[in-house]
Amino acid sequence: MSSIDQNKLAKSASYLAVITAIIIMFLKLYGYLSTESQSILASLIDSMLDISSSVLNLIALRIALLPPDNDHRFGHEKFQDLAVFSQSIFFFASCLFIIFSAGKALIAREQVENIHLGTNVMVLSTILTALLVLYQTFVLRLTNSKIIEADKLHYFTDLLSNCAVLVSIYLSQQFWYIDAITSLLIAAYIIVNSRKLFLESLKNLVDEELPKQDKEKIIKIVSTFKQAKAIHELKTRNAGNKIFIQFHLEMPRDLSLLEAHNFSDEIAAAIRQEFPEAEILIHQDPVGIEQDVEYREQF
């Protein structure tokens, strides 16, 4: 599949997420006003966050897909990481409100009203969310978009929370406190997933290196070429779903400039087989010229 087709698929998933989230938000708002259920309130806030994050993702995705320009020569992929980072902060803040509201309900011994209506609202919300997650899974498999991956995590979390709310509404007929406790559990689950998003996006924003096993793959690929004598200053990073790889390649001194250029292109092509769409920068050095270097690998 071409990159253009992948971009179209990613955009379609983002648009569908916004539309679905808006429908579900109004459903849950109606359900909360009719039942005063704390678990529906927690799920409603989660849906409101989904809308804001989906809109933010849609904007960030459009920016991230822009080609490099004079002010952003490395491209705009980091806008994806920035969007995911900000979402994780918003999610954590919303959980504080959920915890406060659920705690107040436990102290006041509040009970759920109009249980039948609340159940119908949550069943419909669950079906819509499940259909969206299935489509996002399909798109993610074809595009490997970090933004779609983050969006899918949000809605999969929402799907699980919808199921938990359904159970809690049913059980609240016998146990009044189940509803508020479920609300607290949803908040805890959101916090755990927010932490994961926060750490992953932060890793890309601060240009953390690729995992050790990926760097070892790069070194192994280069070592299979006979004229590659060593590499040094290997540096890697991620921006969105794009990988950047650069290193100094040491080769025989008697190679012509054209031969060195062609040889480097062959190595870059081999690395790109393992890391598709990666941006690779190779600096050619005559072997033994540079001595005071870091991260040197001799072949």
C-alpha atoms as a PDB file:
ATOM      1  CA  MET A   1       0.000   0.000   0.000  1.00  0.00           C
ATOM      2  CA  SER A   2       1.353   3.429  -0.956  1.00  0.00           C
ATOM      3  CA  SER A   3       1.999   6.136   1.630  1.00  0.00           C
ATOM      4  CA  ILE A   4      -0.828   8.213   0.088  1.00  0.00           C
ATOM      5  CA  ASP A   5      -3.323   5.381   0.626  1.00  0.00           C
ATOM      6  CA  GLN A   6      -2.047   4.904   4.183  1.00  0.00           C
ATOM      7  CA  ASN A   7      -2.547   8.597   4.905  1.00  0.00           C
ATOM      8  CA  LYS A   8      -6.105   8.473   3.564  1.00  0.00           C
ATOM      9  CA  LEU A   9      -6.896   5.482   5.761  1.00  0.00           C
ATOM     10  CA  ALA A  10      -5.423   7.158   8.844  1.00  0.00           C
ATOM     11  CA  LYS A  11      -7.468  10.302   8.180  1.00  0.00           C
ATOM     12  CA  SER A  12     -10.679   8.293   7.705  1.00  0.00           C
ATOM     13  CA  ALA A  13     -10.143   6.600  11.076  1.00  0.00           C
ATOM     14  CA  SER A  14      -9.610   9.982  12.739  1.00  0.00           C
ATOM     15  CA  TYR A  15     -12.775  11.473  11.201  1.00  0.00           C
ATOM     16  CA  LEU A  16     -14.827   8.428  12.184  1.00  0.00           C
ATOM     17  CA  ALA A  17     -13.488   8.611  15.750  1.00  0.00           C
ATOM     18  CA  VAL A  18     -14.625  12.231  16.118  1.00  0.00           C
ATOM     19  CA  ILE A  19     -18.127  11.517  14.784  1.00  0.00           C
ATOM     20  CA  THR A  20     -18.555   8.400  16.929  1.00  0.00           C
ATOM     21  CA  ALA A  21     -17.268  10.132  20.061  1.00  0.00           C
ATOM     22  CA  ILE A  22     -19.718  13.024  19.657  1.00  0.00           C
ATOM     23  CA  ILE A  23     -22.686  10.642  19.302  1.00  0.00           C
ATOM     24  CA  ILE A  24     -21.593   8.619  22.340  1.00  0.00           C
ATOM     25  CA  MET A  25     -20.981  11.749  24.412  1.00  0.00           C
ATOM     26  CA  PHE A  26     -24.572  12.958  23.941  1.00  0.00           C
ATOM     27  CA  LEU A  27     -25.898   9.472  24.689  1.00  0.00           C
ATOM     28  CA  LYS A  28     -23.990   9.320  27.970  1.00  0.00           C
ATOM     29  CA  LEU A  29     -24.898  12.892  28.883  1.00  0.00           C
ATOM     30  CA  TYR A  30     -28.572  11.960  28.535  1.00  0.00           C
ATOM     31  CA  GLY A  31     -27.931   8.783  30.520  1.00  0.00           C
ATOM     32  CA  TYR A  32     -26.195  10.632  33.361  1.00  0.00           C
ATOM     33  CA  LEU A  33     -28.864  13.341  33.644  1.00  0.00           C
ATOM     34  CA  SER A  34     -31.529  10.634  33.790  1.00  0.00           C
ATOM     35  CA  THR A  35     -29.806   8.314  36.281  1.00  0.00           C
ATOM     36  CA  GLU A  36     -27.202  10.401  38.187  1.00  0.00           C
ATOM     37  CA  SER A  37     -24.925   7.354  37.933  1.00  0.00           C
ATOM     38  CA  GLN A  38     -21.311   8.047  38.936  1.00  0.00           C
ATOM     39  CA  SER A  39     -20.030   5.320  36.624  1.00  0.00           C
ATOM     40  CA  ILE A  40     -21.878   6.862  33.667  1.00  0.00           C
ATOM     41  CA  LEU A  41     -20.441  10.251  34.688  1.00  0.00           C
ATOM     42  CA  ALA A  42     -16.921   8.778  34.633  1.00  0.00           C
ATOM     43  CA  SER A  43     -17.610   7.210  31.259  1.00  0.00           C
ATOM     44  CA  LEU A  44     -19.076  10.522  30.016  1.00  0.00           C
ATOM     45  CA  ILE A  45     -15.928  12.404  30.992  1.00  0.00           C
ATOM     46  CA  ASP A  46     -13.871   9.727  29.271  1.00  0.00           C
ATOM     47  CA  SER A  47     -15.940  10.257  26.111  1.00  0.00           C
ATOM     48  CA  MET A  48     -15.496  14.028  26.327  1.00  0.00           C
ATOM     49  CA  LEU A  49     -11.766  13.435  26.523  1.00  0.00           C
ATOM     50  CA  ASP A  50     -12.014  11.110  23.541  1.00  0.00           C
ATOM     51  CA  ILE A  51     -13.607  13.894  21.515  1.00  0.00           C
ATOM     52  CA  SER A  52     -10.954  16.434  22.460  1.00  0.00           C
ATOM     53  CA  SER A  53      -8.159  13.931  21.822  1.00  0.00           C
ATOM     54  CA  SER A  54      -9.647  12.800  18.507  1.00  0.00           C
ATOM     55  CA  VAL A  55      -9.946  16.397  17.302  1.00  0.00           C
ATOM     56  CA  LEU A  56      -6.411  17.049  18.506  1.00  0.00           C
ATOM     57  CA  ASN A  57      -5.205  13.873  16.796  1.00  0.00           C
ATOM     58  CA  LEU A  58      -6.908  14.882  13.566  1.00  0.00           C
ATOM     59  CA  ILE A  59      -5.195  18.283  13.596  1.00  0.00           C
ATOM     60  CA  ALA A  60      -1.842  16.781  14.582  1.00  0.00           C
ATOM     61  CA  LEU A  61      -2.132  14.076  11.918  1.00  0.00           C
ATOM     62  CA  ARG A  62      -2.763  16.654   9.190  1.00  0.00           C
ATOM     63  CA  ILE A  63       0.286  18.624  10.342  1.00  0.00           C
ATOM     64  CA  ALA A  64       2.463  15.518  10.741  1.00  0.00           C
ATOM     65  CA  LEU A  65       1.728  14.438   7.156  1.00  0.00           C
ATOM     66  CA  LEU A  66       2.991  17.735   5.728  1.00  0.00           C
ATOM     67  CA  PRO A  67       6.268  17.381   3.819  1.00  0.00           C
ATOM     68  CA  PRO A  68       9.462  18.948   5.231  1.00  0.00           C
ATOM     69  CA  ASP A  69       9.810  22.676   4.659  1.00  0.00           C
ATOM     70  CA  ASN A  70      12.432  25.380   5.254  1.00  0.00           C
ATOM     71  CA  ASP A  71      11.489  25.710   8.923  1.00  0.00           C
ATOM     72  CA  HIS A  72      11.072  21.959   9.588  1.00  0.00           C
ATOM     73  CA  ARG A  73      13.716  20.176   7.542  1.00  0.00           C
ATOM     74  CA  PHE A  74      13.277  16.945   9.501  1.00  0.00           C
ATOM     75  CA  GLY A  75       9.523  16.938   8.815  1.00  0.00           C
ATOM     76  CA  HIS A  76       6.551  17.433  11.127  1.00  0.00           C
ATOM     77  CA  GLU A  77       6.234  13.944  12.638  1.00  0.00           C
ATOM     78  CA  LYS A  78       6.878  15.141  16.200  1.00  0.00           C
ATOM     79  CA  PHE A  79       3.502  16.863  16.209  1.00  0.00           C
ATOM     80  CA  GLN A  80       2.106  13.346  16.693  1.00  0.00           C
ATOM     81  CA  ASP A  81       4.208  12.864  19.821  1.00  0.00           C
ATOM     82  CA  LEU A  82       3.240  16.306  21.099  1.00  0.00           C
ATOM     83  CA  ALA A  83      -0.462  15.482  20.632  1.00  0.00           C
ATOM     84  CA  VAL A  84      -0.141  12.170  22.513  1.00  0.00           C
ATOM     85  CA  PHE A  85       1.861  13.870  25.302  1.00  0.00           C
ATOM     86  CA  SER A  86      -0.781  16.557  25.846  1.00  0.00           C
ATOM     87  CA  GLN A  87      -3.571  13.961  25.849  1.00  0.00           C
ATOM     88  CA  SER A  88      -1.910  12.003  28.637  1.00  0.00           C
ATOM     89  CA  ILE A  89      -1.845  15.160  30.781  1.00  0.00           C
ATOM     90  CA  PHE A  90      -5.516  15.879  30.070  1.00  0.00           C
ATOM     91  CA  PHE A  91      -6.476  12.320  30.963  1.00  0.00           C
ATOM     92  CA  PHE A  92      -4.702  12.445  34.292  1.00  0.00           C
ATOM     93  CA  ALA A  93      -6.367  15.741  35.221  1.00  0.00           C
ATOM     94  CA  SER A  94      -9.827  14.374  34.370  1.00  0.00           C
ATOM     95  CA  CYS A  95      -9.269  11.383  36.644  1.00  0.00           C
ATOM     96  CA  LEU A  96      -8.861  13.711  39.605  1.00  0.00           C
ATOM     97  CA  PHE A  97     -12.373  15.049  38.977  1.00  0.00           C
ATOM     98  CA  ILE A  98     -13.801  11.522  38.659  1.00  0.00           C
ATOM     99  CA  ILE A  99     -12.205  10.507  41.958  1.00  0.00           C
ATOM    100  CA  PHE A 100     -13.590  13.611  43.693  1.00  0.00           C
ATOM    101  CA  SER A 101     -17.125  13.039  42.361  1.00  0.00           C
ATOM    102  CA  ALA A 102     -17.126   9.321  43.219  1.00  0.00           C
ATOM    103  CA  GLY A 103     -15.828  10.026  46.716  1.00  0.00           C
ATOM    104  CA  LYS A 104     -18.621  12.546  47.256  1.00  0.00           C
ATOM    105  CA  ALA A 105     -21.201   9.980  46.109  1.00  0.00           C
ATOM    106  CA  LEU A 106     -19.872   7.366  48.530  1.00  0.00           C
ATOM    107  CA  ILE A 107     -20.038   9.772  51.443  1.00  0.00           C
ATOM    108  CA  ALA A 108     -23.600  10.858  50.554  1.00  0.00           C
ATOM    109  CA  ARG A 109     -24.676   7.247  49.812  1.00  0.00           C
ATOM    110  CA  GLU A 110     -26.138   8.294  46.456  1.00  0.00           C
ATOM    111  CA  GLN A 111     -28.090   5.662  44.507  1.00  0.00           C
ATOM    112  CA  VAL A 112     -28.620   5.169  40.766  1.00  0.00           C
ATOM    113  CA  GLU A 113     -32.013   6.137  39.354  1.00  0.00           C
ATOM    114  CA  ASN A 114     -33.830   4.946  36.194  1.00  0.00           C
ATOM    115  CA  ILE A 115     -31.626   1.884  35.800  1.00  0.00           C
ATOM    116  CA  HIS A 116     -33.400   0.530  32.680  1.00  0.00           C
ATOM    117  CA  LEU A 117     -32.721   3.711  30.674  1.00  0.00           C
ATOM    118  CA  GLY A 118     -29.114   3.824  31.836  1.00  0.00           C
ATOM    119  CA  THR A 119     -28.597   0.233  30.712  1.00  0.00           C
ATOM    120  CA  ASN A 120     -29.984   0.930  27.217  1.00  0.00           C
ATOM    121  CA  VAL A 121     -27.756   3.977  26.830  1.00  0.00           C
ATOM    122  CA  MET A 122     -24.634   2.034  27.765  1.00  0.00           C
ATOM    123  CA  VAL A 123     -25.495  -0.932  25.507  1.00  0.00           C
ATOM    124  CA  LEU A 124     -25.781   1.364  22.481  1.00  0.00           C
ATOM    125  CA  SER A 125     -22.570   3.195  23.446  1.00  0.00           C
ATOM    126  CA  THR A 126     -20.742  -0.115  23.760  1.00  0.00           C
ATOM    127  CA  ILE A 127     -21.842  -1.298  20.305  1.00  0.00           C
ATOM    128  CA  LEU A 128     -20.769   1.957  18.628  1.00  0.00           C
ATOM    129  CA  THR A 129     -17.404   1.910  20.409  1.00  0.00           C
ATOM    130  CA  ALA A 130     -16.759  -1.724  19.476  1.00  0.00           C
ATOM    131  CA  LEU A 131     -17.383  -1.007  15.772  1.00  0.00           C
ATOM    132  CA  LEU A 132     -14.984   1.953  15.894  1.00  0.00           C
ATOM    133  CA  VAL A 133     -12.232  -0.086  17.591  1.00  0.00           C
ATOM    134  CA  LEU A 134     -12.556  -2.803  14.941  1.00  0.00           C
ATOM    135  CA  TYR A 135     -12.074  -0.252  12.152  1.00  0.00           C
ATOM    136  CA  GLN A 136      -9.135   1.380  13.955  1.00  0.00           C
ATOM    137  CA  THR A 137      -7.498  -2.047  14.347  1.00  0.00           C
ATOM    138  CA  PHE A 138      -7.850  -2.603  10.598  1.00  0.00           C
ATOM    139  CA  VAL A 139      -6.342   0.811   9.796  1.00  0.00           C
ATOM    140  CA  LEU A 140      -3.521   0.402  12.332  1.00  0.00           C
ATOM    141  CA  ARG A 141      -2.501  -2.916  10.794  1.00  0.00           C
ATOM    142  CA  LEU A 142      -2.088  -1.244   7.393  1.00  0.00           C
ATOM    143  CA  THR A 143      -0.590   2.122   8.415  1.00  0.00           C
ATOM    144  CA  ASN A 144       1.257   1.577  11.723  1.00  0.00           C
ATOM    145  CA  SER A 145       0.273   5.150  12.643  1.00  0.00           C
ATOM    146  CA  LYS A 146       1.226   6.146  16.205  1.00  0.00           C
ATOM    147  CA  ILE A 147      -1.697   8.542  16.392  1.00  0.00           C
ATOM    148  CA  ILE A 148      -4.209   5.854  15.381  1.00  0.00           C
ATOM    149  CA  GLU A 149      -2.570   3.528  17.905  1.00  0.00           C
ATOM    150  CA  ALA A 150      -3.069   6.115  20.663  1.00  0.00           C
ATOM    151  CA  ASP A 151      -6.642   6.786  19.525  1.00  0.00           C
ATOM    152  CA  LYS A 152      -7.422   3.073  19.484  1.00  0.00           C
ATOM    153  CA  LEU A 153      -6.115   2.739  23.035  1.00  0.00           C
ATOM    154  CA  HIS A 154      -8.482   5.504  24.149  1.00  0.00           C
ATOM    155  CA  TYR A 155     -11.532   3.837  22.611  1.00  0.00           C
ATOM    156  CA  PHE A 156     -10.557   0.347  23.692  1.00  0.00           C
ATOM    157  CA  THR A 157     -10.338   1.728  27.220  1.00  0.00           C
ATOM    158  CA  ASP A 158     -13.751   3.297  26.680  1.00  0.00           C
ATOM    159  CA  LEU A 159     -15.090  -0.060  25.493  1.00  0.00           C
ATOM    160  CA  LEU A 160     -13.893  -1.787  28.666  1.00  0.00           C
ATOM    161  CA  SER A 161     -15.277   0.982  30.852  1.00  0.00           C
ATOM    162  CA  ASN A 162     -18.656   0.749  29.075  1.00  0.00           C
ATOM    163  CA  CYS A 163     -18.826  -2.950  29.935  1.00  0.00           C
ATOM    164  CA  ALA A 164     -17.875  -2.206  33.533  1.00  0.00           C
ATOM    165  CA  VAL A 165     -20.568   0.487  33.748  1.00  0.00           C
ATOM    166  CA  LEU A 166     -23.197  -1.930  32.440  1.00  0.00           C
ATOM    167  CA  VAL A 167     -22.316  -4.440  35.136  1.00  0.00           C
ATOM    168  CA  SER A 168     -22.195  -1.802  37.864  1.00  0.00           C
ATOM    169  CA  ILE A 169     -25.604  -0.345  36.908  1.00  0.00           C
ATOM    170  CA  TYR A 170     -27.125  -3.818  37.113  1.00  0.00           C
ATOM    171  CA  LEU A 171     -25.481  -4.648  40.455  1.00  0.00           C
ATOM    172  CA  SER A 172     -26.298  -1.242  41.950  1.00  0.00           C
ATOM    173  CA  GLN A 173     -29.871  -2.430  42.391  1.00  0.00           C
ATOM    174  CA  GLN A 174     -28.602  -4.649  45.231  1.00  0.00           C
ATOM    175  CA  PHE A 175     -25.392  -2.841  46.206  1.00  0.00           C
ATOM    176  CA  TRP A 176     -25.662   0.972  46.093  1.00  0.00           C
ATOM    177  CA  TYR A 177     -21.896   1.527  46.429  1.00  0.00           C
ATOM    178  CA  ILE A 178     -20.927  -0.543  43.344  1.00  0.00           C
ATOM    179  CA  ASP A 179     -21.597   2.370  40.990  1.00  0.00           C
ATOM    180  CA  ALA A 180     -19.172   4.764  42.712  1.00  0.00           C
ATOM    181  CA  ILE A 181     -16.525   2.061  43.134  1.00  0.00           C
ATOM    182  CA  THR A 182     -16.716   1.257  39.407  1.00  0.00           C
ATOM    183  CA  SER A 183     -16.199   4.951  38.706  1.00  0.00           C
ATOM    184  CA  LEU A 184     -13.010   4.867  40.793  1.00  0.00           C
ATOM    185  CA  LEU A 185     -11.784   1.751  38.971  1.00  0.00           C
ATOM    186  CA  ILE A 186     -12.344   3.432  35.601  1.00  0.00           C
ATOM    187  CA  ALA A 187     -10.331   6.425  36.810  1.00  0.00           C
ATOM    188  CA  ALA A 188      -7.501   4.138  37.942  1.00  0.00           C
ATOM    189  CA  TYR A 189      -7.481   2.354  34.589  1.00  0.00           C
ATOM    190  CA  ILE A 190      -7.321   5.649  32.697  1.00  0.00           C
ATOM    191  CA  ILE A 191      -4.404   6.788  34.880  1.00  0.00           C
ATOM    192  CA  VAL A 192      -2.446   3.612  34.120  1.00  0.00           C
ATOM    193  CA  ASN A 193      -2.921   4.023  30.373  1.00  0.00           C
ATOM    194  CA  SER A 194      -2.223   7.754  30.534  1.00  0.00           C
ATOM    195  CA  ARG A 195       1.117   6.976  32.144  1.00  0.00           C
ATOM    196  CA  LYS A 196       1.989   4.647  29.256  1.00  0.00           C
ATOM    197  CA  LEU A 197       1.107   7.293  26.652  1.00  0.00           C
ATOM    198  CA  PHE A 198       3.042   9.923  28.608  1.00  0.00           C
ATOM    199  CA  LEU A 199       6.226   7.852  28.749  1.00  0.00           C
ATOM    200  CA  GLU A 200       6.091   6.751  25.092  1.00  0.00           C
ATOM    201  CA  SER A 201       5.534  10.267  23.754  1.00  0.00           C
ATOM    202  CA  LEU A 202       8.135  11.751  26.094  1.00  0.00           C
ATOM    203  CA  LYS A 203      10.672   9.213  24.857  1.00  0.00           C
ATOM    204  CA  ASN A 204      10.244  10.483  21.290  1.00  0.00           C
ATOM    205  CA  LEU A 205      10.134  14.152  22.259  1.00  0.00           C
ATOM    206  CA  VAL A 206      13.508  13.925  24.023  1.00  0.00           C
ATOM    207  CA  ASP A 207      15.048  11.873  21.164  1.00  0.00           C
ATOM    208  CA  GLU A 208      15.646   8.684  23.119  1.00  0.00           C
ATOM    209  CA  GLU A 209      17.608   6.051  21.187  1.00  0.00           C
ATOM    210  CA  LEU A 210      15.949   3.046  19.556  1.00  0.00           C
ATOM    211  CA  PRO A 211      15.871  -0.139  21.655  1.00  0.00           C
ATOM    212  CA  LYS A 212      19.191  -1.984  21.957  1.00  0.00           C
ATOM    213  CA  GLN A 213      17.993  -4.877  19.796  1.00  0.00           C
ATOM    214  CA  ASP A 214      17.159  -2.520  16.929  1.00  0.00           C
ATOM    215  CA  LYS A 215      20.590  -0.885  17.088  1.00  0.00           C
ATOM    216  CA  GLU A 216      22.163  -4.331  17.067  1.00  0.00           C
ATOM    217  CA  LYS A 217      20.176  -5.141  13.919  1.00  0.00           C
ATOM    218  CA  ILE A 218      21.601  -2.062  12.205  1.00  0.00           C
ATOM    219  CA  ILE A 219      25.167  -3.009  13.167  1.00  0.00           C
ATOM    220  CA  LYS A 220      24.632  -6.596  12.001  1.00  0.00           C
ATOM    221  CA  ILE A 221      23.307  -5.452   8.609  1.00  0.00           C
ATOM    222  CA  VAL A 222      26.312  -3.178   8.036  1.00  0.00           C
ATOM    223  CA  SER A 223      28.751  -5.902   9.121  1.00  0.00           C
ATOM    224  CA  THR A 224      27.535  -8.214   6.313  1.00  0.00           C
ATOM    225  CA  PHE A 225      29.089  -5.905   3.709  1.00  0.00           C
ATOM    226  CA  LYS A 226      32.670  -6.855   2.905  1.00  0.00           C
ATOM    227  CA  GLN A 227      33.996  -3.319   2.445  1.00  0.00           C
ATOM    228  CA  ALA A 228      32.472  -2.044   5.683  1.00  0.00           C
ATOM    229  CA  LYS A 229      35.363  -2.014   8.159  1.00  0.00           C
ATOM    230  CA  ALA A 230      33.678  -0.280  11.092  1.00  0.00           C
ATOM    231  CA  ILE A 231      31.001   2.218  12.069  1.00  0.00           C
ATOM    232  CA  HIS A 232      30.978   4.855  14.791  1.00  0.00           C
ATOM    233  CA  GLU A 233      28.738   7.615  16.147  1.00  0.00           C
ATOM    234  CA  LEU A 234      25.602   5.535  15.535  1.00  0.00           C
ATOM    235  CA  LYS A 235      22.639   7.710  16.520  1.00  0.00           C
ATOM    236  CA  THR A 236      18.950   6.844  16.276  1.00  0.00           C
ATOM    237  CA  ARG A 237      15.635   8.381  17.253  1.00  0.00           C
ATOM    238  CA  ASN A 238      11.885   8.289  16.604  1.00  0.00           C
ATOM    239  CA  ALA A 239       9.524  11.076  15.585  1.00  0.00           C
ATOM    240  CA  GLY A 240       5.924   9.891  15.387  1.00  0.00           C
ATOM    241  CA  ASN A 241       6.115   6.679  13.379  1.00  0.00           C
ATOM    242  CA  LYS A 242       9.260   7.718  11.504  1.00  0.00           C
ATOM    243  CA  ILE A 243      12.737   6.463  12.405  1.00  0.00           C
ATOM    244  CA  PHE A 244      15.938   8.474  11.933  1.00  0.00           C
ATOM    245  CA  ILE A 245      19.279   6.620  11.676  1.00  0.00           C
ATOM    246  CA  GLN A 246      22.711   8.142  11.170  1.00  0.00           C
ATOM    247  CA  PHE A 247      26.297   6.921  11.549  1.00  0.00           C
ATOM    248  CA  HIS A 248      29.842   7.225  10.220  1.00  0.00           C
ATOM    249  CA  LEU A 249      30.853   4.357   7.946  1.00  0.00           C
ATOM    250  CA  GLU A 250      34.530   3.416   7.774  1.00  0.00           C
ATOM    251  CA  MET A 251      35.629   1.906   4.457  1.00  0.00           C
ATOM    252  CA  PRO A 252      38.882   1.232   2.517  1.00  0.00           C
ATOM    253  CA  ARG A 253      40.915   4.334   1.723  1.00  0.00           C
ATOM    254  CA  ASP A 254      41.417   3.427  -1.929  1.00  0.00           C
ATOM    255  CA  LEU A 255      37.729   3.701  -2.864  1.00  0.00           C
ATOM    256  CA  SER A 256      36.794   6.536  -5.195  1.00  0.00           C
ATOM    257  CA  LEU A 257      34.172   9.066  -4.108  1.00  0.00           C
ATOM    258  CA  LEU A 258      31.644   7.500  -6.487  1.00  0.00           C
ATOM    259  CA  GLU A 259      32.391   3.982  -5.202  1.00  0.00           C
ATOM    260  CA  ALA A 260      32.018   5.145  -1.593  1.00  0.00           C
ATOM    261  CA  HIS A 261      28.722   6.840  -2.449  1.00  0.00           C
ATOM    262  CA  ASN A 262      27.295   3.768  -4.189  1.00  0.00           C
ATOM    263  CA  PHE A 263      28.476   1.507  -1.372  1.00  0.00           C
ATOM    264  CA  SER A 264      26.751   3.694   1.214  1.00  0.00           C
ATOM    265  CA  ASP A 265      23.534   3.631  -0.812  1.00  0.00           C
ATOM    266  CA  GLU A 266      23.615  -0.174  -0.843  1.00  0.00           C
ATOM    267  CA  ILE A 267      23.942  -0.271   2.943  1.00  0.00           C
ATOM    268  CA  ALA A 268      21.143   2.290   3.381  1.00  0.00           C
ATOM    269  CA  ALA A 269      18.863   0.198   1.139  1.00  0.00           C
ATOM    270  CA  ALA A 270      19.612  -2.926   3.204  1.00  0.00           C
ATOM    271  CA  ILE A 271      18.836  -1.117   6.464  1.00  0.00           C
ATOM    272  CA  ARG A 272      15.616   0.241   4.973  1.00  0.00           C
ATOM    273  CA  GLN A 273      14.519  -3.329   4.276  1.00  0.00           C
ATOM    274  CA  GLU A 274      14.473  -3.850   8.058  1.00  0.00           C
ATOM    275  CA  PHE A 275      13.240  -0.338   8.899  1.00  0.00           C
ATOM    276  CA  PRO A 276      10.892   0.794   6.086  1.00  0.00           C
ATOM    277  CA  GLU A 277      10.407   4.552   5.603  1.00  0.00           C
ATOM    278  CA  ALA A 278      13.420   5.277   7.851  1.00  0.00           C
ATOM    279  CA  GLU A 279      15.486   8.351   7.068  1.00  0.00           C
ATOM    280  CA  ILE A 280      19.132   7.229   6.924  1.00  0.00           C
ATOM    281  CA  LEU A 281      22.183   9.459   6.873  1.00  0.00           C
ATOM    282  CA  ILE A 282      25.607   7.843   6.341  1.00  0.00           C
ATOM    283  CA  HIS A 283      28.873   9.792   6.532  1.00  0.00           C
ATOM    284  CA  GLN A 284      31.739   8.041   4.724  1.00  0.00           C
ATOM    285  CA  ASP A 285      35.154   7.924   6.440  1.00  0.00           C
ATOM    286  CA  PRO A 286      38.426   6.312   5.271  1.00  0.00           C
ATOM    287  CA  VAL A 287      39.196   3.571   7.783  1.00  0.00           C
ATOM    288  CA  GLY A 288      41.473   4.635  10.618  1.00  0.00           C
ATOM    289  CA  ILE A 289      41.284   8.386   9.957  1.00  0.00           C
ATOM    290  CA  GLU A 290      39.128   9.253  12.982  1.00  0.00           C
ATOM    291  CA  GLN A 291      40.436   7.905  16.284  1.00  0.00           C
ATOM    292  CA  ASP A 292      38.678   9.921  18.996  1.00  0.00           C
ATOM    293  CA  VAL A 293      35.144   8.619  18.341  1.00  0.00           C
ATOM    294  CA  GLU A 294      32.226   7.217  20.337  1.00  0.00           C
ATOM    295  CA  TYR A 295      30.235   3.989  19.966  1.00  0.00           C
ATOM    296  CA  ARG A 296      32.706   2.425  17.536  1.00  0.00           C
ATOM    297  CA  GLU A 297      31.971  -1.072  16.192  1.00  0.00           C
ATOM    298  CA  GLN A 298      34.870  -2.838  14.417  1.00  0.00           C
ATOM    299  CA  PHE A 299      34.084  -5.564  11.874  1.00  0.00           C
END
